[in-house]
């Protein structure tokens, strides 16, 4: 089923419920033409799928920011960052919080096994 409402309709429905406690969620959803389940989820505080962090993400935003700053620092000093060095730094950050290591498919040979 295609999405036939927009974010503004959802916001208006939420505001209508907050301003008028007697207005039911079902009536507000019907009036503003938004799915009732979406309105209930919004009112309960559940984040949309787009605004949540995926489970497959290994590093936190702060760790990624640290790596980017390190790369920019190297670049400012005219040292090109090597992929292996960046991967080693990412792995050292992950080890400190017991996260799985980061593997970069670019660094792996065609058979998928690291060089020994």
Foldseek 3Di string as FASTA:
>chain_A
DDAPADPVLLVVLLVVCVVDVVDDLVNSCVVSVHDSVVSVCVVVPHDDPVPDDDPPDQDDPVLVVVLVVVQVVCVVVVHHDDPVNSQVSQQVVSVVVVTDGDDDPVQDPPVRDHDD
